[in-house]
Protein backbone atom coordinates (compact mmCIF):
# COMPACT_ATOMS: atom_id res chain seq x y z
CA MET A 1 2.95 22.05 -14.90
CA VAL A 2 3.53 20.01 -11.79
CA SER A 3 7.26 20.62 -10.52
CA THR A 4 6.74 19.11 -7.07
CA TYR A 5 5.57 15.66 -6.81
CA LEU A 6 4.30 14.42 -3.19
CA ASP A 7 1.94 11.94 -4.04
CA TYR A 8 3.88 8.72 -3.81
CA ASN A 9 1.23 6.83 -1.73
CA ALA A 10 -0.95 6.97 -4.83
CA THR A 11 1.90 6.06 -7.22
CA ALA A 12 5.70 6.46 -7.38
CA PRO A 13 7.52 7.67 -10.44
CA LEU A 14 8.87 4.81 -12.45
CA ARG A 15 12.27 3.90 -11.32
CA PRO A 16 14.87 4.04 -14.35
CA GLU A 17 16.00 0.28 -13.43
CA ALA A 18 12.31 -0.84 -13.89
CA LYS A 19 11.92 1.23 -17.11
CA GLN A 20 15.02 -0.33 -18.67
CA ALA A 21 14.08 -3.77 -17.72
CA MET A 22 10.63 -3.50 -19.15
CA ILE A 23 12.14 -2.12 -22.52
CA VAL A 24 14.35 -5.04 -22.82
CA VAL A 25 11.56 -7.54 -22.83
CA MET A 26 8.92 -5.57 -24.91
CA GLY A 27 10.21 -6.61 -28.37
CA ALA A 28 10.38 -10.45 -28.34
CA PRO A 29 7.21 -12.39 -28.75
CA GLY A 30 7.38 -14.08 -25.44
CA ASN A 31 4.72 -15.98 -23.91
CA PRO A 32 5.91 -17.49 -20.54
CA SER A 33 3.77 -20.55 -20.98
CA SER A 34 5.29 -21.44 -24.58
CA VAL A 35 7.75 -24.12 -24.59
CA HIS A 36 9.92 -22.70 -27.67
CA GLU A 37 12.94 -20.79 -27.06
CA TYR A 38 11.09 -17.31 -26.88
CA GLY A 39 8.68 -18.58 -24.39
CA GLN A 40 11.52 -20.02 -22.13
CA MET A 41 13.42 -16.65 -22.20
CA ALA A 42 10.18 -15.01 -21.16
CA ARG A 43 9.79 -17.45 -18.33
CA ALA A 44 13.29 -17.02 -17.19
CA HIS A 45 12.63 -13.23 -16.88
CA VAL A 46 9.39 -13.89 -14.87
CA GLU A 47 11.21 -16.20 -12.51
CA GLU A 48 14.04 -13.67 -11.92
CA ALA A 49 11.36 -10.91 -11.05
CA ARG A 50 9.75 -13.63 -8.80
CA ARG A 51 13.05 -14.01 -6.98
CA ASN A 52 13.48 -10.28 -6.66
CA VAL A 53 10.05 -9.54 -5.05
CA ALA A 54 10.35 -12.63 -2.84
CA ALA A 55 13.59 -11.37 -1.41
CA LEU A 56 12.13 -8.01 -0.67
CA VAL A 57 8.92 -9.08 0.92
CA GLY A 58 10.57 -12.06 2.76
CA ALA A 59 8.96 -14.93 1.15
CA LEU A 60 9.99 -18.15 -0.92
CA PRO A 61 9.77 -17.43 -4.62
CA GLU A 62 7.19 -20.15 -5.20
CA ASN A 63 4.85 -18.50 -2.79
CA ILE A 64 4.63 -15.39 -4.99
CA ILE A 65 1.37 -15.18 -7.13
CA PHE A 66 1.45 -12.25 -9.61
CA THR A 67 -1.76 -10.48 -10.06
CA SER A 68 -3.01 -7.22 -11.85
CA GLY A 69 -2.37 -5.28 -8.81
CA GLY A 70 -3.25 -4.87 -5.14
CA THR A 71 -7.01 -4.93 -5.63
CA GLU A 72 -7.04 -8.31 -7.28
CA ALA A 73 -4.65 -9.69 -4.62
CA ASN A 74 -6.83 -8.42 -1.81
CA HIS A 75 -9.83 -9.97 -3.63
CA GLN A 76 -8.27 -13.24 -3.99
CA ALA A 77 -7.24 -13.36 -0.41
CA LEU A 78 -10.69 -12.33 0.93
CA ASN A 79 -12.66 -14.59 -1.43
CA ALA A 80 -10.55 -17.77 -1.30
CA PHE A 81 -11.95 -18.98 1.96
CA SER A 82 -15.66 -18.78 1.69
CA ASP A 83 -16.45 -20.76 4.85
CA ARG A 84 -14.53 -18.34 7.13
CA VAL A 85 -16.13 -15.09 8.58
CA ILE A 86 -13.93 -12.16 7.50
CA ILE A 87 -12.84 -9.55 10.24
CA THR A 88 -11.33 -6.37 9.10
CA THR A 89 -11.14 -2.71 10.11
CA PRO A 90 -13.00 0.37 9.02
CA VAL A 91 -9.66 2.08 8.01
CA GLU A 92 -8.70 -0.48 5.23
CA HIS A 93 -8.38 0.61 1.71
CA MET A 94 -11.55 0.36 -0.21
CA ALA A 95 -10.10 -2.57 -2.01
CA VAL A 96 -10.56 -4.63 1.09
CA LEU A 97 -13.77 -3.09 2.23
CA ALA A 98 -15.44 -3.54 -1.09
CA ALA A 99 -14.11 -7.21 -1.51
CA ALA A 100 -15.66 -8.13 1.82
CA PRO A 101 -18.87 -6.05 2.30
CA ASP A 102 -20.33 -8.20 5.01
CA ALA A 103 -16.98 -8.24 7.02
CA LEU A 104 -17.11 -7.59 10.75
CA LEU A 105 -15.34 -4.42 11.66
CA ILE A 106 -12.83 -3.93 14.41
CA ASP A 107 -13.03 -0.82 16.52
CA VAL A 108 -10.14 1.69 16.21
CA ASP A 109 -9.04 4.61 18.48
CA ASP A 110 -8.54 8.07 17.48
CA ASN A 111 -5.30 7.16 15.58
CA GLY A 112 -6.83 4.55 13.57
CA ILE A 113 -5.09 1.69 15.53
CA ILE A 114 -7.13 -1.38 16.05
CA ASP A 115 -8.67 -2.18 19.46
CA LEU A 116 -7.14 -5.70 20.21
CA ASP A 117 -9.56 -6.49 23.11
CA HIS A 118 -12.37 -6.06 20.55
CA LEU A 119 -10.61 -8.26 17.95
CA GLU A 120 -10.07 -10.98 20.55
CA ASN A 121 -13.77 -10.96 21.43
CA LEU A 122 -14.59 -11.44 17.72
CA LEU A 123 -12.01 -14.12 17.31
CA ARG A 124 -13.51 -15.89 20.54
CA THR A 125 -17.03 -15.82 18.93
CA TYR A 126 -15.73 -17.30 15.71
CA ARG A 127 -12.97 -19.65 16.89
CA GLY A 128 -11.51 -21.65 14.20
CA GLY A 129 -13.63 -20.08 11.43
CA ALA A 130 -12.33 -16.47 10.84
CA LEU A 131 -10.01 -14.82 8.50
CA VAL A 132 -8.67 -11.47 9.76
CA SER A 133 -7.49 -8.75 7.32
CA VAL A 134 -5.62 -5.97 8.87
CA MET A 135 -3.46 -3.61 6.93
CA ALA A 136 0.09 -3.09 7.69
CA ALA A 137 0.18 0.51 7.42
CA ASN A 138 -2.54 3.06 6.59
CA ASN A 139 -2.33 4.54 2.94
CA GLU A 140 -3.78 7.96 4.08
CA THR A 141 -2.11 8.58 7.59
CA GLY A 142 0.79 6.39 7.40
CA VAL A 143 -0.35 4.73 11.01
CA ILE A 144 1.32 1.22 11.39
CA GLN A 145 -1.04 -1.37 12.70
CA PRO A 146 0.22 -3.97 15.44
CA LEU A 147 0.35 -7.04 13.13
CA ASP A 148 2.41 -9.02 15.73
CA ALA A 149 -0.40 -8.79 18.12
CA VAL A 150 -3.01 -9.61 15.49
CA VAL A 151 -1.04 -12.61 14.54
CA ARG A 152 -0.56 -13.85 18.13
CA LEU A 153 -4.36 -13.58 18.77
CA ALA A 154 -5.27 -15.10 15.54
CA ARG A 155 -2.99 -18.27 16.20
CA GLU A 156 -4.64 -18.69 19.59
CA TYR A 157 -8.15 -18.72 18.02
CA ASP A 158 -7.17 -20.78 14.99
CA ALA A 159 -7.72 -17.86 12.44
CA LEU A 160 -5.95 -17.11 9.22
CA VAL A 161 -4.48 -13.53 8.75
CA HIS A 162 -4.32 -11.57 5.71
CA SER A 163 -2.51 -8.17 5.58
CA ASP A 164 -2.80 -5.39 2.79
CA ALA A 165 0.84 -4.33 2.86
CA VAL A 166 0.81 -2.31 -0.41
CA GLN A 167 1.85 0.93 1.25
CA HIS A 168 4.34 -0.48 3.93
CA PHE A 169 5.95 -2.91 1.44
CA GLY A 170 9.57 -1.58 0.39
CA LYS A 171 9.44 1.01 3.38
CA GLY A 172 10.90 -1.09 6.26
CA PHE A 173 8.20 -3.69 6.30
CA ALA A 174 9.48 -6.74 8.13
CA GLY A 175 8.18 -9.37 5.49
CA LEU A 176 5.80 -12.17 5.27
CA ARG A 177 7.84 -14.80 7.33
CA SER A 178 8.94 -12.12 9.99
CA SER A 179 5.20 -10.85 10.38
CA GLY A 180 3.92 -14.26 10.76
CA VAL A 181 0.86 -13.57 8.38
CA ASP A 182 -0.66 -16.07 6.21
CA MET A 183 -1.22 -13.91 3.25
CA LEU A 184 0.21 -10.60 2.03
CA THR A 185 -0.90 -8.01 -0.63
CA VAL A 186 1.74 -6.02 -2.36
CA SER A 187 1.76 -3.78 -5.47
CA ALA A 188 4.53 -2.71 -7.81
CA HIS A 189 3.76 0.86 -8.52
CA LYS A 190 4.08 2.05 -4.81
CA ILE A 191 7.80 1.30 -4.92
CA GLY A 192 8.60 2.74 -8.32
CA GLY A 193 7.53 -0.29 -10.58
CA PRO A 194 4.95 -0.05 -13.36
CA THR A 195 1.00 0.19 -12.64
CA GLY A 196 -1.09 -2.71 -13.30
CA VAL A 197 0.91 -5.59 -11.57
CA GLY A 198 1.02 -6.67 -7.87
CA ALA A 199 1.09 -9.97 -5.85
CA LEU A 200 -0.57 -12.11 -3.41
CA VAL A 201 2.19 -13.51 -1.28
CA ILE A 202 1.26 -16.71 0.82
CA ARG A 203 3.13 -18.45 3.60
CA ASP A 204 4.62 -21.87 3.00
CA GLY A 205 2.14 -24.73 2.96
CA LEU A 206 -1.00 -22.67 2.61
CA SER A 207 -3.22 -23.49 -0.56
CA VAL A 208 -5.06 -20.66 -1.90
CA PRO A 209 -7.53 -21.51 -4.66
CA PRO A 210 -7.79 -19.38 -7.78
CA VAL A 211 -10.38 -16.57 -8.24
CA LEU A 212 -9.43 -16.10 -11.99
CA ILE A 213 -9.52 -19.41 -13.65
CA GLY A 214 -8.86 -20.52 -17.18
CA GLY A 215 -5.28 -21.58 -17.82
CA GLY A 216 -2.62 -23.02 -15.53
CA GLN A 217 -0.56 -19.87 -15.01
CA GLU A 218 1.05 -19.17 -11.59
CA SER A 219 1.13 -22.68 -10.75
CA ARG A 220 -2.79 -22.90 -11.44
CA ARG A 221 -3.41 -20.16 -8.73
CA ARG A 222 -4.27 -17.42 -11.12
CA GLY A 223 -5.32 -17.85 -14.71
CA GLY A 224 -4.49 -15.50 -17.55
CA THR A 225 -1.11 -14.76 -19.53
CA GLU A 226 1.45 -13.17 -17.28
CA ASN A 227 2.04 -9.43 -17.84
CA LEU A 228 5.51 -9.98 -18.85
CA SER A 229 6.72 -6.35 -19.00
CA GLY A 230 4.85 -5.50 -15.91
CA ILE A 231 6.13 -8.32 -13.81
CA VAL A 232 9.77 -7.62 -15.11
CA GLY A 233 9.50 -3.92 -13.96
CA PHE A 234 8.10 -4.98 -10.60
CA GLY A 235 11.12 -7.34 -10.05
CA ALA A 236 13.55 -4.66 -11.22
CA ALA A 237 11.89 -2.10 -8.93
CA ALA A 238 12.01 -4.49 -5.90
CA ALA A 239 15.73 -5.27 -6.40
CA ALA A 240 16.54 -1.43 -6.58
CA VAL A 241 14.60 -0.83 -3.21
CA GLN A 242 16.64 -3.82 -1.66
CA ALA A 243 19.90 -2.40 -3.08
CA ALA A 244 19.11 1.20 -1.63
CA GLY A 245 19.01 0.01 1.89
CA ASP A 246 17.23 2.12 4.67
CA GLY A 247 19.12 5.46 4.50
CA TRP A 248 16.69 7.15 2.27
CA LEU A 249 13.84 6.42 4.61
CA THR A 250 15.66 7.85 7.27
CA GLN A 251 16.19 11.07 5.30
CA LEU A 252 12.40 11.19 4.36
CA GLN A 253 11.38 10.87 8.05
CA THR A 254 13.61 13.62 8.89
CA TRP A 255 12.13 15.95 6.01
CA HIS A 256 8.41 15.03 7.24
CA GLN A 257 9.32 15.72 10.93
CA ASN A 258 10.83 19.04 9.90
CA LEU A 259 7.77 19.89 7.75
CA GLU A 260 5.28 19.03 10.39
CA ASP A 261 7.16 21.01 13.02
CA TYR A 262 7.18 23.98 10.81
CA LEU A 263 3.63 23.94 9.94
CA LEU A 264 2.53 23.42 13.53
CA ALA A 265 4.77 26.29 14.61
CA LYS A 266 3.24 28.58 11.99
CA SER A 267 -0.52 27.62 11.97
CA ASP A 268 -3.27 25.64 13.56
CA ALA A 269 -2.61 22.62 11.37
CA VAL A 270 -3.45 19.23 12.70
CA ILE A 271 -1.15 16.21 11.96
CA PHE A 272 -2.92 12.74 12.17
CA GLY A 273 -1.07 9.99 13.79
CA ARG A 274 1.82 12.27 15.02
CA GLN A 275 2.07 10.51 18.42
CA VAL A 276 2.17 6.89 17.23
CA GLU A 277 4.30 4.89 14.74
CA ARG A 278 3.87 5.84 11.30
CA LEU A 279 5.72 5.33 7.79
CA ALA A 280 8.56 7.38 7.30
CA ASN A 281 7.03 8.96 4.05
CA THR A 282 3.52 10.16 4.98
CA SER A 283 1.88 13.11 6.55
CA ALA A 284 -1.76 13.61 6.87
CA ILE A 285 -2.19 17.41 7.36
CA ALA A 286 -5.62 19.09 8.17
CA MET A 287 -5.95 22.76 7.45
CA PRO A 288 -8.91 23.81 9.67
CA GLY A 289 -11.68 25.59 7.80
CA ARG A 290 -10.26 24.95 4.29
CA MET A 291 -11.99 22.03 2.30
CA ALA A 292 -9.49 19.41 1.15
CA GLU A 293 -10.77 19.68 -2.56
CA THR A 294 -9.92 23.42 -2.51
CA GLN A 295 -6.45 22.91 -1.00
CA VAL A 296 -5.63 19.90 -3.83
CA MET A 297 -6.67 22.44 -6.59
CA ARG A 298 -4.68 25.17 -5.33
CA PHE A 299 -1.70 23.15 -4.75
CA ASP A 300 -1.97 21.90 -8.46
CA LEU A 301 -2.46 25.34 -9.77
CA ALA A 302 0.90 26.17 -7.93
CA GLY A 303 2.61 23.07 -9.33
CA VAL A 304 2.60 20.96 -6.27
CA ALA A 305 1.10 17.50 -6.47
CA VAL A 306 -0.80 16.02 -3.40
CA SER A 307 -3.90 14.30 -2.62
CA ALA A 308 -6.76 13.90 -0.30
CA GLY A 309 -7.46 10.37 0.75
CA ALA A 310 -6.83 7.55 -1.44
CA ALA A 311 -6.42 8.14 -5.31
CA CYS A 312 -8.99 5.46 -6.04
CA SER A 313 -12.29 7.40 -6.54
CA SER A 314 -12.57 8.28 -10.01
CA GLY A 315 -10.75 11.63 -9.50
CA LYS A 316 -13.34 12.80 -6.95
CA VAL A 317 -12.40 13.98 -3.50
CA ALA A 318 -14.75 13.18 -0.49
CA ALA A 319 -14.54 12.91 3.05
CA SER A 320 -12.07 10.36 4.09
CA HIS A 321 -13.60 7.07 5.51
CA VAL A 322 -10.47 6.56 7.38
CA LEU A 323 -10.67 9.95 9.38
CA GLU A 324 -14.22 9.47 9.77
CA ALA A 325 -13.60 6.08 11.37
CA MET A 326 -11.05 7.92 13.58
CA LYS A 327 -13.77 10.54 14.55
CA ALA A 328 -12.07 13.26 12.99
CA GLY A 329 -15.06 15.26 12.70
CA ASP A 330 -15.09 18.45 10.12
CA LEU A 331 -11.18 17.56 9.64
CA ALA A 332 -12.14 14.41 7.79
CA HIS A 333 -13.11 17.01 5.12
CA GLN A 334 -10.01 19.32 5.68
CA THR A 335 -7.11 17.00 5.52
CA ILE A 336 -4.63 16.36 2.65
CA ARG A 337 -1.85 13.80 2.35
CA VAL A 338 1.75 14.36 1.58
CA SER A 339 3.52 11.38 0.61
CA SER A 340 7.33 11.15 -0.58
CA GLY A 341 9.50 8.55 -1.83
CA TRP A 342 12.70 7.33 -3.76
CA ALA A 343 13.09 10.58 -6.00
CA SER A 344 11.87 13.27 -3.50
CA THR A 345 14.14 16.12 -2.41
CA GLU A 346 14.40 18.63 0.54
CA GLU A 347 13.34 21.29 -1.96
CA ASP A 348 10.12 19.44 -2.68
CA PHE A 349 9.27 19.89 1.14
CA ASN A 350 10.39 23.58 1.07
CA ARG A 351 8.17 24.32 -1.78
CA PHE A 352 5.27 22.48 -0.35
CA ALA A 353 5.71 24.46 3.01
CA GLU A 354 5.71 27.63 1.12
CA ILE A 355 2.54 26.95 -0.77
CA TRP A 356 0.83 25.47 2.30
CA LEU A 357 1.22 28.65 4.26
CA GLN A 358 -0.06 30.68 1.23
CA VAL A 359 -3.01 28.59 0.88
CA TYR A 360 -3.53 28.96 4.66
CA LYS A 361 -3.34 32.67 4.42
CA ASN A 362 -5.64 32.96 1.33
CA GLN A 363 -2.81 34.16 -0.84
CA VAL A 364 -3.27 31.63 -3.51
């Protein structure tokens, strides 16, 4: 029985505000496209959620396209401009890499941060015909990319910019307008909303053709009946994050820092991205000589939920492509991710540290 949950970057526990909002709309037969009273009530709920998500992501409500999640939003962004060469990074989530298998890859350093000179060379080669996709923050290491510099270069060479902000969204991310990107991907279940709903956010004035066609939903930008309960839960979670302010992120950052300091003092642990800007809630910790798969299983048996890499590989644990791109060597097979969130406690970190040392000393 899991008693300590530290896998928020895979999915966060459902916030009570989201659960309650979803329950309210589950009973009535509301299709937001219907013109009768039930349909218009459902439409009102969707538009309220759209306003809440827009407020958190720093965009106009009309520029929120609700999708089935981050994967679909990434797919739409990367396949909507077939006349452009896609430039991305080797440390992206597989939802980006799989959506653009022929993309040109920007070099990254040992922290996974992109080489801006290499990006500029690529943009110069494809001036006026590129779409750059660079994640806001890495899902495995928490390392934050220099999006402001990416946007400046893209503007100089007439390129569009998309960012997978799924992990950074709701964790101090500046927002669509502040970042200057053209398209942004976000997802509900990383902030305490339900699974199966996300959004592609576009800058004002940008036209993005649909990938899913059929009906006229989402202003004809994404066909298919809207996931009413999911969207409502997403909106409620977004409102809860905004109401909470930033104090909880400061607390998480302190707990992660204390944990990392403790493990480094007690062992030969390696912390990835420790010297650069990272998300407050993420630690990628290598235990030299112990395979990540073994670590995850031992933690699970001890009632602690963590992960190795992204949680999108059919339950399999493999070497992290992110860490391999960072030239981590054998440590790419020996690293687990500790990620916290809105319901985490200091006791969670204390319990993790206790079990980590037991695993390290082969006591469990």
